[in-house]
Amino acid sequence: MVKNMKEITEIDVLSAAKIQALIMLVIGFFMGLFTLIVSLIQVSVGFWDVLATILLVPIIYGVIGFIGGALGSWLYNKFSSRIGGIKISLK
């Protein structure tokens, strides 16, 4: 058993949602670029299709990340109050 174990009892829902949204926004940007490259190789794509891909994919990923982060941290808070939180070791 490791000494100095601390338990995460609660996660701020808005804080977790914002961080998750930012992470997913970055992932969405790269997914948008990947989708764009694949689309350009396969078929001719118009300017508006390219613009929509570059703008919409990261935004959609960010929104989904925000919702997922909020829901995940809310569920964590509900379960951790009943069964205990994640234990971590700190120096």
N, C-alpha and C. Protein backbone atom coordinates (compact mmCIF):
# COMPACT_ATOMS: atom_id res chain seq x y z
N MET A 1 0.84 -1.18 0.00
CA MET A 1 0.00 0.00 0.00
C MET A 1 0.89 1.25 0.00
N VAL A 2 0.60 2.16 -0.86
CA VAL A 2 1.38 3.38 -0.99
C VAL A 2 0.88 4.41 0.02
N LYS A 3 1.79 5.07 0.69
CA LYS A 3 1.41 6.13 1.62
C LYS A 3 1.03 7.38 0.85
N ASN A 4 0.42 8.31 1.53
CA ASN A 4 0.00 9.59 0.96
C ASN A 4 -1.03 9.44 -0.16
N MET A 5 -1.89 8.45 -0.04
CA MET A 5 -2.95 8.27 -1.03
C MET A 5 -4.03 9.33 -0.79
N LYS A 6 -4.42 9.97 -1.85
CA LYS A 6 -5.50 10.96 -1.81
C LYS A 6 -6.62 10.48 -2.70
N GLU A 7 -7.83 10.83 -2.34
CA GLU A 7 -9.00 10.40 -3.11
C GLU A 7 -9.64 11.60 -3.81
N ILE A 8 -9.90 11.44 -5.10
CA ILE A 8 -10.63 12.47 -5.84
C ILE A 8 -12.10 12.25 -5.54
N THR A 9 -12.67 13.15 -4.75
CA THR A 9 -14.06 12.96 -4.33
C THR A 9 -15.05 13.67 -5.24
N GLU A 10 -14.60 14.72 -5.91
CA GLU A 10 -15.51 15.47 -6.77
C GLU A 10 -14.72 16.17 -7.87
N ILE A 11 -15.33 16.27 -9.04
CA ILE A 11 -14.74 16.96 -10.18
C ILE A 11 -15.68 18.10 -10.56
N ASP A 12 -15.13 19.29 -10.75
CA ASP A 12 -15.95 20.42 -11.19
C ASP A 12 -16.44 20.15 -12.61
N VAL A 13 -17.75 20.10 -12.78
CA VAL A 13 -18.35 19.69 -14.05
C VAL A 13 -17.97 20.65 -15.18
N LEU A 14 -18.10 21.95 -14.96
CA LEU A 14 -17.79 22.92 -16.01
C LEU A 14 -16.31 22.90 -16.38
N SER A 15 -15.45 22.78 -15.39
CA SER A 15 -14.01 22.72 -15.65
C SER A 15 -13.65 21.50 -16.50
N ALA A 16 -14.18 20.35 -16.14
CA ALA A 16 -13.91 19.12 -16.90
C ALA A 16 -14.48 19.23 -18.31
N ALA A 17 -15.66 19.82 -18.43
CA ALA A 17 -16.30 19.96 -19.74
C ALA A 17 -15.47 20.87 -20.66
N LYS A 18 -14.93 21.96 -20.11
CA LYS A 18 -14.13 22.87 -20.93
C LYS A 18 -12.83 22.21 -21.40
N ILE A 19 -12.17 21.50 -20.51
CA ILE A 19 -10.93 20.81 -20.88
C ILE A 19 -11.20 19.75 -21.94
N GLN A 20 -12.26 18.96 -21.73
CA GLN A 20 -12.60 17.91 -22.70
C GLN A 20 -12.97 18.52 -24.04
N ALA A 21 -13.69 19.64 -24.03
CA ALA A 21 -14.06 20.31 -25.28
C ALA A 21 -12.81 20.77 -26.04
N LEU A 22 -11.84 21.33 -25.33
CA LEU A 22 -10.61 21.80 -25.97
C LEU A 22 -9.82 20.63 -26.57
N ILE A 23 -9.71 19.55 -25.81
CA ILE A 23 -9.00 18.37 -26.32
C ILE A 23 -9.69 17.85 -27.58
N MET A 24 -11.00 17.73 -27.55
CA MET A 24 -11.74 17.22 -28.70
C MET A 24 -11.70 18.19 -29.87
N LEU A 25 -11.63 19.49 -29.60
CA LEU A 25 -11.51 20.48 -30.67
C LEU A 25 -10.21 20.27 -31.44
N VAL A 26 -9.12 20.04 -30.72
CA VAL A 26 -7.83 19.78 -31.37
C VAL A 26 -7.89 18.48 -32.17
N ILE A 27 -8.45 17.44 -31.57
CA ILE A 27 -8.60 16.16 -32.29
C ILE A 27 -9.47 16.36 -33.52
N GLY A 28 -10.55 17.12 -33.37
CA GLY A 28 -11.45 17.40 -34.49
C GLY A 28 -10.76 18.14 -35.62
N PHE A 29 -9.85 19.04 -35.28
CA PHE A 29 -9.10 19.76 -36.30
C PHE A 29 -8.29 18.79 -37.16
N PHE A 30 -7.58 17.87 -36.49
CA PHE A 30 -6.79 16.89 -37.23
C PHE A 30 -7.67 15.91 -38.00
N MET A 31 -8.81 15.55 -37.44
CA MET A 31 -9.74 14.68 -38.16
C MET A 31 -10.31 15.40 -39.38
N GLY A 32 -10.58 16.69 -39.24
CA GLY A 32 -11.05 17.48 -40.37
C GLY A 32 -10.01 17.53 -41.48
N LEU A 33 -8.75 17.73 -41.11
CA LEU A 33 -7.68 17.73 -42.11
C LEU A 33 -7.56 16.38 -42.79
N PHE A 34 -7.62 15.31 -42.01
CA PHE A 34 -7.54 13.97 -42.57
C PHE A 34 -8.70 13.71 -43.54
N THR A 35 -9.90 14.08 -43.12
CA THR A 35 -11.08 13.91 -43.97
C THR A 35 -10.94 14.72 -45.24
N LEU A 36 -10.42 15.92 -45.12
CA LEU A 36 -10.22 16.79 -46.28
C LEU A 36 -9.23 16.16 -47.26
N ILE A 37 -8.12 15.66 -46.75
CA ILE A 37 -7.11 15.06 -47.63
C ILE A 37 -7.67 13.84 -48.34
N VAL A 38 -8.38 13.00 -47.61
CA VAL A 38 -8.98 11.81 -48.22
C VAL A 38 -10.00 12.22 -49.28
N SER A 39 -10.80 13.23 -49.00
CA SER A 39 -11.81 13.70 -49.95
C SER A 39 -11.16 14.27 -51.21
N LEU A 40 -10.07 15.00 -51.05
CA LEU A 40 -9.39 15.57 -52.20
C LEU A 40 -8.77 14.50 -53.08
N ILE A 41 -8.31 13.43 -52.48
CA ILE A 41 -7.71 12.34 -53.25
C ILE A 41 -8.78 11.58 -54.04
N GLN A 42 -9.93 11.36 -53.42
CA GLN A 42 -10.96 10.52 -54.03
C GLN A 42 -11.79 11.24 -55.08
N VAL A 43 -12.26 12.41 -54.78
CA VAL A 43 -13.15 13.12 -55.70
C VAL A 43 -12.81 14.60 -55.70
N SER A 44 -13.33 15.29 -56.69
CA SER A 44 -13.14 16.74 -56.69
C SER A 44 -14.11 17.35 -55.68
N VAL A 45 -13.58 18.22 -54.86
CA VAL A 45 -14.37 18.82 -53.79
C VAL A 45 -14.38 20.32 -54.01
N GLY A 46 -15.55 20.92 -53.83
CA GLY A 46 -15.68 22.36 -53.99
C GLY A 46 -15.14 23.13 -52.80
N PHE A 47 -14.97 24.44 -53.00
CA PHE A 47 -14.45 25.31 -51.95
C PHE A 47 -15.31 25.27 -50.70
N TRP A 48 -16.62 25.29 -50.85
CA TRP A 48 -17.52 25.33 -49.69
C TRP A 48 -17.48 24.01 -48.92
N ASP A 49 -17.27 22.92 -49.63
CA ASP A 49 -17.13 21.63 -48.95
C ASP A 49 -15.86 21.60 -48.10
N VAL A 50 -14.80 22.15 -48.66
CA VAL A 50 -13.53 22.22 -47.93
C VAL A 50 -13.68 23.10 -46.69
N LEU A 51 -14.29 24.26 -46.86
CA LEU A 51 -14.49 25.19 -45.75
C LEU A 51 -15.37 24.57 -44.67
N ALA A 52 -16.43 23.90 -45.08
CA ALA A 52 -17.32 23.26 -44.11
C ALA A 52 -16.58 22.17 -43.33
N THR A 53 -15.76 21.41 -44.02
CA THR A 53 -15.00 20.34 -43.35
C THR A 53 -14.03 20.91 -42.33
N ILE A 54 -13.29 21.93 -42.74
CA ILE A 54 -12.29 22.52 -41.85
C ILE A 54 -12.94 23.20 -40.64
N LEU A 55 -14.09 23.82 -40.82
CA LEU A 55 -14.74 24.54 -39.73
C LEU A 55 -15.68 23.68 -38.90
N LEU A 56 -16.50 22.88 -39.54
CA LEU A 56 -17.54 22.16 -38.82
C LEU A 56 -17.05 20.96 -38.03
N VAL A 57 -16.12 20.20 -38.57
CA VAL A 57 -15.66 19.00 -37.87
C VAL A 57 -15.07 19.35 -36.49
N PRO A 58 -14.16 20.31 -36.38
CA PRO A 58 -13.65 20.65 -35.04
C PRO A 58 -14.73 21.19 -34.11
N ILE A 59 -15.65 21.98 -34.64
CA ILE A 59 -16.72 22.52 -33.80
C ILE A 59 -17.61 21.40 -33.28
N ILE A 60 -17.97 20.47 -34.15
CA ILE A 60 -18.81 19.35 -33.73
C ILE A 60 -18.08 18.50 -32.68
N TYR A 61 -16.80 18.22 -32.92
CA TYR A 61 -16.02 17.47 -31.94
C TYR A 61 -15.95 18.22 -30.61
N GLY A 62 -15.76 19.54 -30.66
CA GLY A 62 -15.71 20.33 -29.43
C GLY A 62 -17.00 20.29 -28.65
N VAL A 63 -18.12 20.41 -29.34
CA VAL A 63 -19.43 20.36 -28.67
C VAL A 63 -19.66 18.99 -28.05
N ILE A 64 -19.36 17.95 -28.80
CA ILE A 64 -19.52 16.59 -28.27
C ILE A 64 -18.58 16.38 -27.08
N GLY A 65 -17.36 16.91 -27.16
CA GLY A 65 -16.42 16.81 -26.05
C GLY A 65 -16.92 17.53 -24.81
N PHE A 66 -17.52 18.71 -24.99
CA PHE A 66 -18.06 19.46 -23.86
C PHE A 66 -19.17 18.67 -23.18
N ILE A 67 -20.08 18.16 -23.98
CA ILE A 67 -21.20 17.38 -23.43
C ILE A 67 -20.68 16.12 -22.75
N GLY A 68 -19.75 15.43 -23.40
CA GLY A 68 -19.18 14.21 -22.82
C GLY A 68 -18.41 14.48 -21.54
N GLY A 69 -17.65 15.57 -21.51
CA GLY A 69 -16.90 15.93 -20.30
C GLY A 69 -17.82 16.28 -19.15
N ALA A 70 -18.88 17.02 -19.45
CA ALA A 70 -19.85 17.39 -18.41
C ALA A 70 -20.57 16.15 -17.89
N LEU A 71 -21.04 15.32 -18.80
CA LEU A 71 -21.76 14.11 -18.40
C LEU A 71 -20.85 13.16 -17.62
N GLY A 72 -19.64 12.97 -18.12
CA GLY A 72 -18.71 12.07 -17.44
C GLY A 72 -18.35 12.53 -16.04
N SER A 73 -18.07 13.82 -15.86
CA SER A 73 -17.72 14.31 -14.53
C SER A 73 -18.93 14.31 -13.60
N TRP A 74 -20.11 14.59 -14.13
CA TRP A 74 -21.33 14.54 -13.32
C TRP A 74 -21.58 13.11 -12.82
N LEU A 75 -21.43 12.14 -13.73
CA LEU A 75 -21.59 10.74 -13.34
C LEU A 75 -20.53 10.32 -12.32
N TYR A 76 -19.29 10.78 -12.53
CA TYR A 76 -18.23 10.47 -11.58
C TYR A 76 -18.60 10.97 -10.19
N ASN A 77 -19.09 12.21 -10.12
CA ASN A 77 -19.47 12.79 -8.83
C ASN A 77 -20.57 11.97 -8.17
N LYS A 78 -21.55 11.52 -8.95
CA LYS A 78 -22.65 10.73 -8.39
C LYS A 78 -22.15 9.38 -7.86
N PHE A 79 -21.30 8.71 -8.64
CA PHE A 79 -20.82 7.39 -8.23
C PHE A 79 -19.78 7.48 -7.12
N SER A 80 -18.89 8.47 -7.18
CA SER A 80 -17.83 8.55 -6.18
C SER A 80 -18.39 8.85 -4.80
N SER A 81 -19.51 9.54 -4.73
CA SER A 81 -20.11 9.81 -3.42
C SER A 81 -20.68 8.53 -2.80
N ARG A 82 -21.00 7.55 -3.64
CA ARG A 82 -21.58 6.29 -3.14
C ARG A 82 -20.53 5.19 -2.93
N ILE A 83 -19.59 5.07 -3.85
CA ILE A 83 -18.65 3.95 -3.79
C ILE A 83 -17.20 4.39 -3.56
N GLY A 84 -16.97 5.67 -3.50
CA GLY A 84 -15.61 6.18 -3.31
C GLY A 84 -14.99 6.60 -4.62
N GLY A 85 -14.08 7.53 -4.53
CA GLY A 85 -13.45 8.07 -5.73
C GLY A 85 -12.16 7.36 -6.08
N ILE A 86 -11.53 7.83 -7.14
CA ILE A 86 -10.24 7.30 -7.58
C ILE A 86 -9.18 7.74 -6.58
N LYS A 87 -8.31 6.81 -6.21
CA LYS A 87 -7.24 7.11 -5.27
C LYS A 87 -5.95 7.30 -6.06
N ILE A 88 -5.23 8.37 -5.73
CA ILE A 88 -3.95 8.65 -6.39
C ILE A 88 -2.89 8.90 -5.32
N SER A 89 -1.65 8.70 -5.70
CA SER A 89 -0.53 8.94 -4.80
C SER A 89 0.12 10.26 -5.18
N LEU A 90 0.32 11.12 -4.20
CA LEU A 90 0.94 12.42 -4.42
C LEU A 90 2.22 12.53 -3.60
N LYS A 91 3.18 13.27 -4.12
CA LYS A 91 4.42 13.52 -3.37
C LYS A 91 4.25 14.73 -2.50
